[in-house]
């Protein structure tokens, strides 16, 4: 299986970066081709949270 590694340097405190990534509303801002990431229940993070998502794969939105 192929493996892809991407490294980014972010000039911000770890706590600020984690808070950004932990907020589901930001997911489509940093995940390429992700078009939908929404809660599928009342929980929006942590154990037991579930999400409905869609992403572009070639010409399709799956």
N, C-alpha and C. Protein backbone atom coordinates (compact mmCIF):
# COMPACT_ATOMS: atom_id res chain seq x y z
N UNK A 1 0.84 -1.17 0.00
CA UNK A 1 0.00 0.00 0.00
C UNK A 1 0.89 1.24 0.00
N UNK A 2 0.49 2.25 -0.75
CA UNK A 2 1.24 3.50 -0.84
C UNK A 2 1.07 4.30 0.45
N UNK A 3 2.04 5.14 0.70
CA UNK A 3 2.01 5.99 1.88
C UNK A 3 2.36 7.41 1.46
N UNK A 4 1.62 8.37 2.00
CA UNK A 4 1.87 9.78 1.72
C UNK A 4 2.08 10.48 3.05
N UNK A 5 3.14 11.27 3.15
CA UNK A 5 3.42 12.04 4.35
C UNK A 5 3.49 13.52 3.98
N UNK A 6 2.80 14.35 4.74
CA UNK A 6 2.83 15.79 4.53
C UNK A 6 3.23 16.44 5.85
N UNK A 7 4.18 17.36 5.80
CA UNK A 7 4.62 18.07 6.99
C UNK A 7 4.37 19.56 6.79
N UNK A 8 3.76 20.19 7.78
CA UNK A 8 3.51 21.63 7.74
C UNK A 8 4.06 22.25 9.02
N UNK A 9 4.56 23.47 8.92
CA UNK A 9 4.99 24.23 10.08
C UNK A 9 3.98 25.36 10.30
N UNK A 10 3.42 25.42 11.49
CA UNK A 10 2.41 26.42 11.80
C UNK A 10 2.94 27.29 12.93
N UNK A 11 3.00 28.59 12.69
CA UNK A 11 3.51 29.54 13.67
C UNK A 11 2.37 29.96 14.61
N UNK A 12 2.01 29.05 15.52
CA UNK A 12 0.93 29.32 16.47
C UNK A 12 1.11 28.38 17.66
N UNK A 13 0.55 28.75 18.81
CA UNK A 13 0.63 27.87 19.97
C UNK A 13 -0.10 26.55 19.70
N UNK A 14 0.41 25.47 20.27
CA UNK A 14 -0.20 24.15 20.09
C UNK A 14 -1.68 24.19 20.50
N UNK A 15 -2.00 24.89 21.57
CA UNK A 15 -3.38 24.93 22.05
C UNK A 15 -4.31 25.58 21.02
N UNK A 16 -3.84 26.60 20.33
CA UNK A 16 -4.66 27.26 19.31
C UNK A 16 -4.86 26.35 18.10
N UNK A 17 -3.81 25.65 17.70
CA UNK A 17 -3.91 24.73 16.56
C UNK A 17 -4.85 23.58 16.91
N UNK A 18 -4.71 23.01 18.10
CA UNK A 18 -5.58 21.90 18.49
C UNK A 18 -7.03 22.36 18.55
N UNK A 19 -7.29 23.54 19.09
CA UNK A 19 -8.66 24.05 19.17
C UNK A 19 -9.26 24.20 17.77
N UNK A 20 -8.46 24.65 16.81
CA UNK A 20 -8.92 24.81 15.43
C UNK A 20 -9.27 23.45 14.82
N UNK A 21 -8.37 22.47 14.97
CA UNK A 21 -8.59 21.14 14.40
C UNK A 21 -9.73 20.41 15.11
N UNK A 22 -9.91 20.66 16.40
CA UNK A 22 -10.95 20.01 17.19
C UNK A 22 -12.34 20.50 16.85
N UNK A 23 -12.47 21.65 16.20
CA UNK A 23 -13.76 22.22 15.83
C UNK A 23 -14.18 21.66 14.47
N UNK A 24 -15.19 20.80 14.45
CA UNK A 24 -15.60 20.14 13.21
C UNK A 24 -15.94 21.12 12.09
N UNK A 25 -16.34 22.33 12.44
CA UNK A 25 -16.71 23.32 11.40
C UNK A 25 -15.52 23.74 10.56
N UNK A 26 -14.30 23.49 11.03
CA UNK A 26 -13.11 23.86 10.27
C UNK A 26 -12.60 22.73 9.37
N UNK A 27 -13.14 21.54 9.51
CA UNK A 27 -12.59 20.38 8.79
C UNK A 27 -12.51 20.60 7.29
N UNK A 28 -13.56 21.13 6.66
CA UNK A 28 -13.52 21.31 5.21
C UNK A 28 -12.58 22.44 4.79
N UNK A 29 -12.09 23.22 5.75
CA UNK A 29 -11.14 24.29 5.43
C UNK A 29 -9.72 23.75 5.27
N UNK A 30 -9.41 22.63 5.93
CA UNK A 30 -8.03 22.13 5.85
C UNK A 30 -7.92 20.73 5.23
N UNK A 31 -9.02 20.06 4.97
CA UNK A 31 -8.96 18.75 4.32
C UNK A 31 -9.32 18.90 2.84
N UNK A 32 -8.33 18.73 2.00
CA UNK A 32 -8.52 18.92 0.56
C UNK A 32 -9.64 18.03 0.04
N UNK A 33 -10.50 18.63 -0.75
CA UNK A 33 -11.61 17.95 -1.43
C UNK A 33 -12.74 17.50 -0.51
N UNK A 34 -12.68 17.79 0.79
CA UNK A 34 -13.79 17.48 1.69
C UNK A 34 -14.85 18.56 1.47
N UNK A 35 -16.08 18.14 1.18
CA UNK A 35 -17.14 19.11 0.89
C UNK A 35 -18.21 19.17 1.98
N UNK A 36 -18.24 18.17 2.85
CA UNK A 36 -19.24 18.16 3.94
C UNK A 36 -18.67 17.40 5.13
N UNK A 37 -18.81 17.97 6.31
CA UNK A 37 -18.42 17.30 7.56
C UNK A 37 -19.34 17.85 8.64
N UNK A 38 -20.44 17.15 8.91
CA UNK A 38 -21.46 17.64 9.82
C UNK A 38 -21.81 16.57 10.85
N UNK A 39 -22.16 16.99 12.07
CA UNK A 39 -22.52 16.01 13.10
C UNK A 39 -23.74 15.18 12.68
N UNK A 40 -23.71 13.90 13.00
CA UNK A 40 -24.83 13.01 12.73
C UNK A 40 -25.61 12.73 14.02
N UNK A 41 -25.34 13.51 15.03
CA UNK A 41 -26.00 13.36 16.33
C UNK A 41 -25.73 14.59 17.17
N UNK A 42 -25.99 14.50 18.45
CA UNK A 42 -25.81 15.64 19.34
C UNK A 42 -24.35 15.92 19.68
N UNK A 43 -23.50 14.90 19.71
CA UNK A 43 -22.09 15.09 20.06
C UNK A 43 -21.33 15.66 18.86
N UNK A 44 -20.50 16.67 19.13
CA UNK A 44 -19.73 17.29 18.04
C UNK A 44 -18.24 17.02 18.14
N UNK A 45 -17.79 16.33 19.19
CA UNK A 45 -16.40 15.91 19.30
C UNK A 45 -16.27 14.86 20.40
N UNK A 46 -15.17 14.15 20.36
CA UNK A 46 -14.90 13.17 21.39
C UNK A 46 -15.51 11.80 21.11
N UNK A 47 -15.30 10.91 22.06
CA UNK A 47 -15.77 9.53 21.94
C UNK A 47 -17.28 9.50 21.76
N UNK A 48 -17.72 8.74 20.78
CA UNK A 48 -19.15 8.60 20.51
C UNK A 48 -19.70 9.58 19.50
N UNK A 49 -18.91 10.59 19.12
CA UNK A 49 -19.40 11.53 18.11
C UNK A 49 -19.38 10.86 16.74
N UNK A 50 -20.36 11.20 15.90
CA UNK A 50 -20.45 10.65 14.55
C UNK A 50 -20.71 11.80 13.59
N UNK A 51 -20.22 11.64 12.36
CA UNK A 51 -20.34 12.70 11.37
C UNK A 51 -20.78 12.15 10.02
N UNK A 52 -21.53 12.97 9.28
CA UNK A 52 -21.86 12.69 7.89
C UNK A 52 -20.87 13.49 7.07
N UNK A 53 -20.27 12.85 6.06
CA UNK A 53 -19.27 13.56 5.28
C UNK A 53 -19.37 13.22 3.81
N UNK A 54 -18.87 14.13 2.99
CA UNK A 54 -18.77 13.95 1.54
C UNK A 54 -17.44 14.53 1.11
N UNK A 55 -16.90 13.95 0.03
CA UNK A 55 -15.67 14.51 -0.52
C UNK A 55 -15.63 14.28 -2.02
N UNK A 56 -14.88 15.14 -2.70
CA UNK A 56 -14.70 15.01 -4.13
C UNK A 56 -13.65 13.94 -4.41
N UNK A 57 -13.99 13.04 -5.32
CA UNK A 57 -13.05 12.04 -5.80
C UNK A 57 -13.15 12.09 -7.31
N UNK A 58 -12.18 12.72 -7.94
CA UNK A 58 -12.27 12.95 -9.38
C UNK A 58 -13.49 13.83 -9.65
N UNK A 59 -14.33 13.45 -10.62
CA UNK A 59 -15.50 14.26 -10.93
C UNK A 59 -16.69 13.99 -10.01
N UNK A 60 -16.55 13.04 -9.10
CA UNK A 60 -17.67 12.64 -8.24
C UNK A 60 -17.59 13.29 -6.87
N UNK A 61 -18.76 13.48 -6.26
CA UNK A 61 -18.85 13.92 -4.87
C UNK A 61 -19.48 12.77 -4.11
N UNK A 62 -18.66 12.03 -3.35
CA UNK A 62 -19.18 10.83 -2.67
C UNK A 62 -19.30 11.05 -1.18
